[in-house]
Amino acid sequence: PMSQRATDVSGVMLAGGVASLPVGGSLALVLYAV
């Protein structure tokens, strides 16, 4: 249980973390391939 603001911020952080996975994974794959 947490405040509404903390819930909103944690949701944004989770979405940002999930959104960074494809970018980081593709960059790592390109660098590994090169």
Full PDB file with SEQRES, HELIX, SHEET, SSBOND, CRYST1, ORIGX, SCALE, CONECT and MASTER records, all heavy atoms in Angstrom:
SEQRES   1 A   34  PRO MET SER GLN ARG ALA THR ASP VAL SER GLY VAL MET          
SEQRES   2 A   34  LEU ALA GLY GLY VAL ALA SER LEU PRO VAL GLY GLY SER          
SEQRES   3 A   34  LEU ALA LEU VAL LEU TYR ALA VAL                              
HELIX    1 AA1 GLN A    4  ALA A   33  1                                  30    
CRYST1    1.000    1.000    1.000  90.00  90.00  90.00 P 1           1          
ORIGX1      1.000000  0.000000  0.000000        0.00000                         
ORIGX2      0.000000  1.000000  0.000000        0.00000                         
ORIGX3      0.000000  0.000000  1.000000        0.00000                         
SCALE1      1.000000  0.000000  0.000000        0.00000                         
SCALE2      0.000000  1.000000  0.000000        0.00000                         
SCALE3      0.000000  0.000000  1.000000        0.00000                         
ATOM      1  N   PRO A   1       0.830  -1.201   0.000  1.00  0.00           N  
ATOM      2  CA  PRO A   1       0.000   0.000   0.000  1.00  0.00           C  
ATOM      3  C   PRO A   1       0.864   1.250   0.000  1.00  0.00           C  
ATOM      4  O   PRO A   1       1.861   1.329   0.717  1.00  0.00           O  
ATOM      5  CB  PRO A   1      -0.816  -0.125   1.293  1.00  0.00           C  
ATOM      6  CG  PRO A   1      -0.069  -1.080   2.131  1.00  0.00           C  
ATOM      7  CD  PRO A   1       0.687  -1.974   1.228  1.00  0.00           C  
ATOM      8  N   MET A   2       0.498   2.198  -0.841  1.00  0.00           N  
ATOM      9  CA  MET A   2       1.244   3.450  -0.933  1.00  0.00           C  
ATOM     10  C   MET A   2       0.315   4.543  -1.436  1.00  0.00           C  
ATOM     11  O   MET A   2      -0.810   4.270  -1.849  1.00  0.00           O  
ATOM     12  CB  MET A   2       2.465   3.299  -1.830  1.00  0.00           C  
ATOM     13  CG  MET A   2       2.192   2.827  -3.241  1.00  0.00           C  
ATOM     14  SD  MET A   2       3.704   2.642  -4.168  1.00  0.00           S  
ATOM     15  CE  MET A   2       3.731   0.892  -4.418  1.00  0.00           C  
ATOM     16  N   SER A   3       0.811   5.762  -1.420  1.00  0.00           N  
ATOM     17  CA  SER A   3      -0.005   6.892  -1.840  1.00  0.00           C  
ATOM     18  C   SER A   3      -0.253   6.837  -3.349  1.00  0.00           C  
ATOM     19  O   SER A   3       0.432   6.124  -4.086  1.00  0.00           O  
ATOM     20  CB  SER A   3       0.692   8.205  -1.479  1.00  0.00           C  
ATOM     21  OG  SER A   3       1.850   8.368  -2.277  1.00  0.00           O  
ATOM     22  N   GLN A   4      -1.231   7.636  -3.794  1.00  0.00           N  
ATOM     23  CA  GLN A   4      -1.558   7.656  -5.222  1.00  0.00           C  
ATOM     24  C   GLN A   4      -0.378   8.187  -6.032  1.00  0.00           C  
ATOM     25  O   GLN A   4      -0.077   7.687  -7.107  1.00  0.00           O  
ATOM     26  CB  GLN A   4      -2.798   8.521  -5.457  1.00  0.00           C  
ATOM     27  CG  GLN A   4      -3.259   8.544  -6.903  1.00  0.00           C  
ATOM     28  CD  GLN A   4      -3.676   7.174  -7.403  1.00  0.00           C  
ATOM     29  OE1 GLN A   4      -4.363   6.457  -6.692  1.00  0.00           O  
ATOM     30  NE2 GLN A   4      -3.265   6.801  -8.589  1.00  0.00           N  
ATOM     31  N   ARG A   5       0.313   9.206  -5.500  1.00  0.00           N  
ATOM     32  CA  ARG A   5       1.464   9.770  -6.221  1.00  0.00           C  
ATOM     33  C   ARG A   5       2.566   8.728  -6.353  1.00  0.00           C  
ATOM     34  O   ARG A   5       3.171   8.583  -7.406  1.00  0.00           O  
ATOM     35  CB  ARG A   5       1.966  11.000  -5.482  1.00  0.00           C  
ATOM     36  CG  ARG A   5       3.110  11.714  -6.177  1.00  0.00           C  
ATOM     37  CD  ARG A   5       3.365  13.055  -5.516  1.00  0.00           C  
ATOM     38  NE  ARG A   5       4.437  13.903  -5.803  1.00  0.00           N  
ATOM     39  CZ  ARG A   5       5.434  13.815  -6.626  1.00  0.00           C  
ATOM     40  NH1 ARG A   5       5.544  12.792  -7.372  1.00  0.00           N  
ATOM     41  NH2 ARG A   5       6.361  14.725  -6.773  1.00  0.00           N  
ATOM     42  N   ALA A   6       2.826   7.982  -5.277  1.00  0.00           N  
ATOM     43  CA  ALA A   6       3.861   6.953  -5.325  1.00  0.00           C  
ATOM     44  C   ALA A   6       3.466   5.841  -6.293  1.00  0.00           C  
ATOM     45  O   ALA A   6       4.310   5.314  -7.022  1.00  0.00           O  
ATOM     46  CB  ALA A   6       4.102   6.386  -3.938  1.00  0.00           C  
ATOM     47  N   THR A   7       2.184   5.500  -6.326  1.00  0.00           N  
ATOM     48  CA  THR A   7       1.715   4.482  -7.264  1.00  0.00           C  
ATOM     49  C   THR A   7       1.899   4.950  -8.705  1.00  0.00           C  
ATOM     50  O   THR A   7       2.349   4.191  -9.563  1.00  0.00           O  
ATOM     51  CB  THR A   7       0.234   4.166  -6.997  1.00  0.00           C  
ATOM     52  OG1 THR A   7       0.098   3.764  -5.645  1.00  0.00           O  
ATOM     53  CG2 THR A   7      -0.260   3.068  -7.900  1.00  0.00           C  
ATOM     54  N   ASP A   8       1.569   6.217  -8.976  1.00  0.00           N  
ATOM     55  CA  ASP A   8       1.735   6.760 -10.326  1.00  0.00           C  
ATOM     56  C   ASP A   8       3.204   6.779 -10.744  1.00  0.00           C  
ATOM     57  O   ASP A   8       3.552   6.395 -11.854  1.00  0.00           O  
ATOM     58  CB  ASP A   8       1.156   8.170 -10.405  1.00  0.00           C  
ATOM     59  CG  ASP A   8      -0.350   8.192 -10.226  1.00  0.00           C  
ATOM     60  OD1 ASP A   8      -0.975   7.119 -10.383  1.00  0.00           O  
ATOM     61  OD2 ASP A   8      -0.891   9.266  -9.914  1.00  0.00           O  
ATOM     62  N   VAL A   9       4.065   7.212  -9.831  1.00  0.00           N  
ATOM     63  CA  VAL A   9       5.498   7.288 -10.154  1.00  0.00           C  
ATOM     64  C   VAL A   9       6.068   5.893 -10.387  1.00  0.00           C  
ATOM     65  O   VAL A   9       6.855   5.680 -11.307  1.00  0.00           O  
ATOM     66  CB  VAL A   9       6.253   8.031  -9.030  1.00  0.00           C  
ATOM     67  CG1 VAL A   9       7.748   7.893  -9.193  1.00  0.00           C  
ATOM     68  CG2 VAL A   9       5.862   9.494  -9.021  1.00  0.00           C  
ATOM     69  N   SER A  10       5.667   4.919  -9.563  1.00  0.00           N  
ATOM     70  CA  SER A  10       6.197   3.565  -9.757  1.00  0.00           C  
ATOM     71  C   SER A  10       5.695   2.969 -11.073  1.00  0.00           C  
ATOM     72  O   SER A  10       6.427   2.243 -11.743  1.00  0.00           O  
ATOM     73  CB  SER A  10       5.814   2.667  -8.586  1.00  0.00           C  
ATOM     74  OG  SER A  10       4.417   2.431  -8.582  1.00  0.00           O  
ATOM     75  N   GLY A  11       4.470   3.290 -11.453  1.00  0.00           N  
ATOM     76  CA  GLY A  11       3.974   2.828 -12.750  1.00  0.00           C  
ATOM     77  C   GLY A  11       4.761   3.420 -13.906  1.00  0.00           C  
ATOM     78  O   GLY A  11       5.074   2.724 -14.877  1.00  0.00           O  
ATOM     79  N   VAL A  12       5.104   4.708 -13.799  1.00  0.00           N  
ATOM     80  CA  VAL A  12       5.910   5.349 -14.852  1.00  0.00           C  
ATOM     81  C   VAL A  12       7.305   4.734 -14.903  1.00  0.00           C  
ATOM     82  O   VAL A  12       7.858   4.501 -15.982  1.00  0.00           O  
ATOM     83  CB  VAL A  12       5.980   6.872 -14.606  1.00  0.00           C  
ATOM     84  CG1 VAL A  12       7.014   7.528 -15.503  1.00  0.00           C  
ATOM     85  CG2 VAL A  12       4.625   7.504 -14.825  1.00  0.00           C  
ATOM     86  N   MET A  13       7.879   4.446 -13.725  1.00  0.00           N  
ATOM     87  CA  MET A  13       9.211   3.829 -13.712  1.00  0.00           C  
ATOM     88  C   MET A  13       9.182   2.433 -14.328  1.00  0.00           C  
ATOM     89  O   MET A  13      10.094   2.064 -15.074  1.00  0.00           O  
ATOM     90  CB  MET A  13       9.749   3.772 -12.277  1.00  0.00           C  
ATOM     91  CG  MET A  13      10.165   5.121 -11.744  1.00  0.00           C  
ATOM     92  SD  MET A  13      11.049   5.046 -10.177  1.00  0.00           S  
ATOM     93  CE  MET A  13       9.797   4.446  -9.084  1.00  0.00           C  
ATOM     94  N   LEU A  14       8.148   1.669 -14.014  1.00  0.00           N  
ATOM     95  CA  LEU A  14       8.039   0.335 -14.617  1.00  0.00           C  
ATOM     96  C   LEU A  14       7.876   0.424 -16.125  1.00  0.00           C  
ATOM     97  O   LEU A  14       8.493  -0.341 -16.874  1.00  0.00           O  
ATOM     98  CB  LEU A  14       6.858  -0.414 -14.000  1.00  0.00           C  
ATOM     99  CG  LEU A  14       7.046  -0.927 -12.576  1.00  0.00           C  
ATOM    100  CD1 LEU A  14       5.742  -1.469 -12.038  1.00  0.00           C  
ATOM    101  CD2 LEU A  14       8.121  -1.983 -12.534  1.00  0.00           C  
ATOM    102  N   ALA A  15       7.054   1.355 -16.592  1.00  0.00           N  
ATOM    103  CA  ALA A  15       6.858   1.513 -18.033  1.00  0.00           C  
ATOM    104  C   ALA A  15       8.149   1.956 -18.707  1.00  0.00           C  
ATOM    105  O   ALA A  15       8.486   1.481 -19.801  1.00  0.00           O  
ATOM    106  CB  ALA A  15       5.745   2.526 -18.305  1.00  0.00           C  
ATOM    107  N   GLY A  16       8.902   2.857 -18.069  1.00  0.00           N  
ATOM    108  CA  GLY A  16      10.177   3.291 -18.635  1.00  0.00           C  
ATOM    109  C   GLY A  16      11.187   2.158 -18.699  1.00  0.00           C  
ATOM    110  O   GLY A  16      11.940   2.031 -19.666  1.00  0.00           O  
ATOM    111  N   GLY A  17      11.203   1.332 -17.656  1.00  0.00           N  
ATOM    112  CA  GLY A  17      12.117   0.193 -17.664  1.00  0.00           C  
ATOM    113  C   GLY A  17      11.778  -0.807 -18.749  1.00  0.00           C  
ATOM    114  O   GLY A  17      12.659  -1.322 -19.447  1.00  0.00           O  
ATOM    115  N   VAL A  18      10.490  -1.071 -18.918  1.00  0.00           N  
ATOM    116  CA  VAL A  18      10.072  -2.008 -19.959  1.00  0.00           C  
ATOM    117  C   VAL A  18      10.339  -1.427 -21.334  1.00  0.00           C  
ATOM    118  O   VAL A  18      10.747  -2.131 -22.264  1.00  0.00           O  
ATOM    119  CB  VAL A  18       8.581  -2.370 -19.776  1.00  0.00           C  
ATOM    120  CG1 VAL A  18       8.040  -3.116 -20.965  1.00  0.00           C  
ATOM    121  CG2 VAL A  18       8.409  -3.200 -18.520  1.00  0.00           C  
ATOM    122  N   ALA A  19      10.146  -0.097 -21.489  1.00  0.00           N  
ATOM    123  CA  ALA A  19      10.372   0.534 -22.787  1.00  0.00           C  
ATOM    124  C   ALA A  19      11.853   0.564 -23.160  1.00  0.00           C  
ATOM    125  O   ALA A  19      12.195   0.613 -24.347  1.00  0.00           O  
ATOM    126  CB  ALA A  19       9.816   1.954 -22.789  1.00  0.00           C  
ATOM    127  N   SER A  20      12.740   0.535 -22.156  1.00  0.00           N  
ATOM    128  CA  SER A  20      14.170   0.579 -22.474  1.00  0.00           C  
ATOM    129  C   SER A  20      14.727  -0.786 -22.863  1.00  0.00           C  
ATOM    130  O   SER A  20      15.830  -0.870 -23.414  1.00  0.00           O  
ATOM    131  CB  SER A  20      14.944   1.128 -21.280  1.00  0.00           C  
ATOM    132  OG  SER A  20      14.917   0.200 -20.221  1.00  0.00           O  
ATOM    133  N   LEU A  21      14.012  -1.853 -22.588  1.00  0.00           N  
ATOM    134  CA  LEU A  21      14.522  -3.191 -22.913  1.00  0.00           C  
ATOM    135  C   LEU A  21      14.747  -3.410 -24.413  1.00  0.00           C  
ATOM    136  O   LEU A  21      15.808  -3.900 -24.795  1.00  0.00           O  
ATOM    137  CB  LEU A  21      13.589  -4.259 -22.354  1.00  0.00           C  
ATOM    138  CG  LEU A  21      13.672  -4.473 -20.849  1.00  0.00           C  
ATOM    139  CD1 LEU A  21      12.626  -5.476 -20.405  1.00  0.00           C  
ATOM    140  CD2 LEU A  21      15.046  -4.937 -20.453  1.00  0.00           C  
ATOM    141  N   PRO A  22      13.813  -3.077 -25.295  1.00  0.00           N  
ATOM    142  CA  PRO A  22      14.071  -3.322 -26.714  1.00  0.00           C  
ATOM    143  C   PRO A  22      15.248  -2.517 -27.256  1.00  0.00           C  
ATOM    144  O   PRO A  22      16.048  -3.015 -28.055  1.00  0.00           O  
ATOM    145  CB  PRO A  22      12.775  -2.905 -27.415  1.00  0.00           C  
ATOM    146  CG  PRO A  22      11.743  -2.857 -26.370  1.00  0.00           C  
ATOM    147  CD  PRO A  22      12.444  -2.613 -25.081  1.00  0.00           C  
ATOM    148  N   VAL A  23      15.364  -1.270 -26.797  1.00  0.00           N  
ATOM    149  CA  VAL A  23      16.463  -0.429 -27.276  1.00  0.00           C  
ATOM    150  C   VAL A  23      17.800  -0.987 -26.811  1.00  0.00           C  
ATOM    151  O   VAL A  23      18.750  -1.134 -27.602  1.00  0.00           O  
ATOM    152  CB  VAL A  23      16.269   1.025 -26.792  1.00  0.00           C  
ATOM    153  CG1 VAL A  23      17.459   1.882 -27.175  1.00  0.00           C  
ATOM    154  CG2 VAL A  23      14.989   1.600 -27.353  1.00  0.00           C  
ATOM    155  N   GLY A  24      17.889  -1.308 -25.513  1.00  0.00           N  
ATOM    156  CA  GLY A  24      19.140  -1.837 -24.983  1.00  0.00           C  
ATOM    157  C   GLY A  24      19.497  -3.190 -25.567  1.00  0.00           C  
ATOM    158  O   GLY A  24      20.667  -3.473 -25.873  1.00  0.00           O  
ATOM    159  N   GLY A  25      18.480  -4.043 -25.725  1.00  0.00           N  
ATOM    160  CA  GLY A  25      18.741  -5.366 -26.306  1.00  0.00           C  
ATOM    161  C   GLY A  25      19.202  -5.287 -27.746  1.00  0.00           C  
ATOM    162  O   GLY A  25      20.141  -5.981 -28.149  1.00  0.00           O  
ATOM    163  N   SER A  26      18.573  -4.417 -28.527  1.00  0.00           N  
ATOM    164  CA  SER A  26      18.993  -4.297 -29.928  1.00  0.00           C  
ATOM    165  C   SER A  26      20.375  -3.674 -30.030  1.00  0.00           C  
ATOM    166  O   SER A  26      21.193  -4.075 -30.868  1.00  0.00           O  
ATOM    167  CB  SER A  26      17.972  -3.487 -30.729  1.00  0.00           C  
ATOM    168  OG  SER A  26      17.846  -2.188 -30.181  1.00  0.00           O  
ATOM    169  N   LEU A  27      20.695  -2.700 -29.173  1.00  0.00           N  
ATOM    170  CA  LEU A  27      22.030  -2.098 -29.184  1.00  0.00           C  
ATOM    171  C   LEU A  27      23.079  -3.133 -28.794  1.00  0.00           C  
ATOM    172  O   LEU A  27      24.148  -3.219 -29.433  1.00  0.00           O  
ATOM    173  CB  LEU A  27      22.070  -0.911 -28.219  1.00  0.00           C  
ATOM    174  CG  LEU A  27      23.405  -0.194 -28.105  1.00  0.00           C  
ATOM    175  CD1 LEU A  27      23.773   0.462 -29.418  1.00  0.00           C  
ATOM    176  CD2 LEU A  27      23.359   0.830 -26.998  1.00  0.00           C  
ATOM    177  N   ALA A  28      22.801  -3.929 -27.772  1.00  0.00           N  
ATOM    178  CA  ALA A  28      23.750  -4.963 -27.365  1.00  0.00           C  
ATOM    179  C   ALA A  28      23.939  -5.999 -28.465  1.00  0.00           C  
ATOM    180  O   ALA A  28      25.061  -6.464 -28.713  1.00  0.00           O  
ATOM    181  CB  ALA A  28      23.269  -5.632 -26.084  1.00  0.00           C  
ATOM    182  N   LEU A  29      22.880  -6.361 -29.140  1.00  0.00           N  
ATOM    183  CA  LEU A  29      22.981  -7.323 -30.232  1.00  0.00           C  
ATOM    184  C   LEU A  29      23.820  -6.774 -31.384  1.00  0.00           C  
ATOM    185  O   LEU A  29      24.654  -7.490 -31.942  1.00  0.00           O  
ATOM    186  CB  LEU A  29      21.569  -7.694 -30.720  1.00  0.00           C  
ATOM    187  CG  LEU A  29      21.504  -8.783 -31.787  1.00  0.00           C  
ATOM    188  CD1 LEU A  29      22.054 -10.087 -31.224  1.00  0.00           C  
ATOM    189  CD2 LEU A  29      20.081  -8.973 -32.260  1.00  0.00           C  
ATOM    190  N   VAL A  30      23.613  -5.514 -31.717  1.00  0.00           N  
ATOM    191  CA  VAL A  30      24.401  -4.896 -32.801  1.00  0.00           C  
ATOM    192  C   VAL A  30      25.863  -4.838 -32.414  1.00  0.00           C  
ATOM    193  O   VAL A  30      26.755  -5.189 -33.214  1.00  0.00           O  
ATOM    194  CB  VAL A  30      23.847  -3.499 -33.135  1.00  0.00           C  
ATOM    195  CG1 VAL A  30      24.820  -2.720 -34.007  1.00  0.00           C  
ATOM    196  CG2 VAL A  30      22.496  -3.610 -33.814  1.00  0.00           C  
ATOM    197  N   LEU A  31      26.151  -4.389 -31.181  1.00  0.00           N  
ATOM    198  CA  LEU A  31      27.550  -4.293 -30.764  1.00  0.00           C  
ATOM    199  C   LEU A  31      28.205  -5.671 -30.684  1.00  0.00           C  
ATOM    200  O   LEU A  31      29.383  -5.835 -31.027  1.00  0.00           O  
ATOM    201  CB  LEU A  31      27.643  -3.592 -29.407  1.00  0.00           C  
ATOM    202  CG  LEU A  31      27.345  -2.090 -29.423  1.00  0.00           C  
ATOM    203  CD1 LEU A  31      27.380  -1.539 -28.015  1.00  0.00           C  
ATOM    204  CD2 LEU A  31      28.342  -1.362 -30.307  1.00  0.00           C  
ATOM    205  N   TYR A  32      27.470  -6.681 -30.245  1.00  0.00           N  
ATOM    206  CA  TYR A  32      28.018  -8.021 -30.186  1.00  0.00           C  
ATOM    207  C   TYR A  32      28.287  -8.561 -31.592  1.00  0.00           C  
ATOM    208  O   TYR A  32      29.311  -9.206 -31.840  1.00  0.00           O  
ATOM    209  CB  TYR A  32      27.062  -8.950 -29.435  1.00  0.00           C  
ATOM    210  CG  TYR A  32      27.571 -10.355 -29.310  1.00  0.00           C  
ATOM    211  CD1 TYR A  32      28.582 -10.664 -28.413  1.00  0.00           C  
ATOM    212  CD2 TYR A  32      27.060 -11.370 -30.113  1.00  0.00           C  
ATOM    213  CE1 TYR A  32      29.065 -11.954 -28.302  1.00  0.00           C  
ATOM    214  CE2 TYR A  32      27.537 -12.658 -30.014  1.00  0.00           C  
ATOM    215  CZ  TYR A  32      28.539 -12.949 -29.108  1.00  0.00           C  
ATOM    216  OH  TYR A  32      29.008 -14.231 -29.019  1.00  0.00           O  
ATOM    217  N   ALA A  33      27.372  -8.273 -32.502  1.00  0.00           N  
ATOM    218  CA  ALA A  33      27.553  -8.759 -33.867  1.00  0.00           C  
ATOM    219  C   ALA A  33      28.739  -8.085 -34.538  1.00  0.00           C  
ATOM    220  O   ALA A  33      29.462  -8.706 -35.318  1.00  0.00           O  
ATOM    221  CB  ALA A  33      26.280  -8.515 -34.678  1.00  0.00           C  
ATOM    222  N   VAL A  34      28.950  -6.821 -34.239  1.00  0.00           N  
ATOM    223  CA  VAL A  34      30.068  -6.101 -34.850  1.00  0.00           C  
ATOM    224  C   VAL A  34      31.388  -6.519 -34.213  1.00  0.00           C  
ATOM    225  O   VAL A  34      32.437  -6.457 -34.842  1.00  0.00           O  
ATOM    226  CB  VAL A  34      29.829  -4.578 -34.732  1.00  0.00           C  
ATOM    227  CG1 VAL A  34      31.033  -3.790 -35.186  1.00  0.00           C  
ATOM    228  CG2 VAL A  34      28.614  -4.173 -35.536  1.00  0.00           C  
TER     229      VAL A  34                                                      
MASTER        0    0    0    1    0    0    0    6  228    1    0    3          
END                                                                             
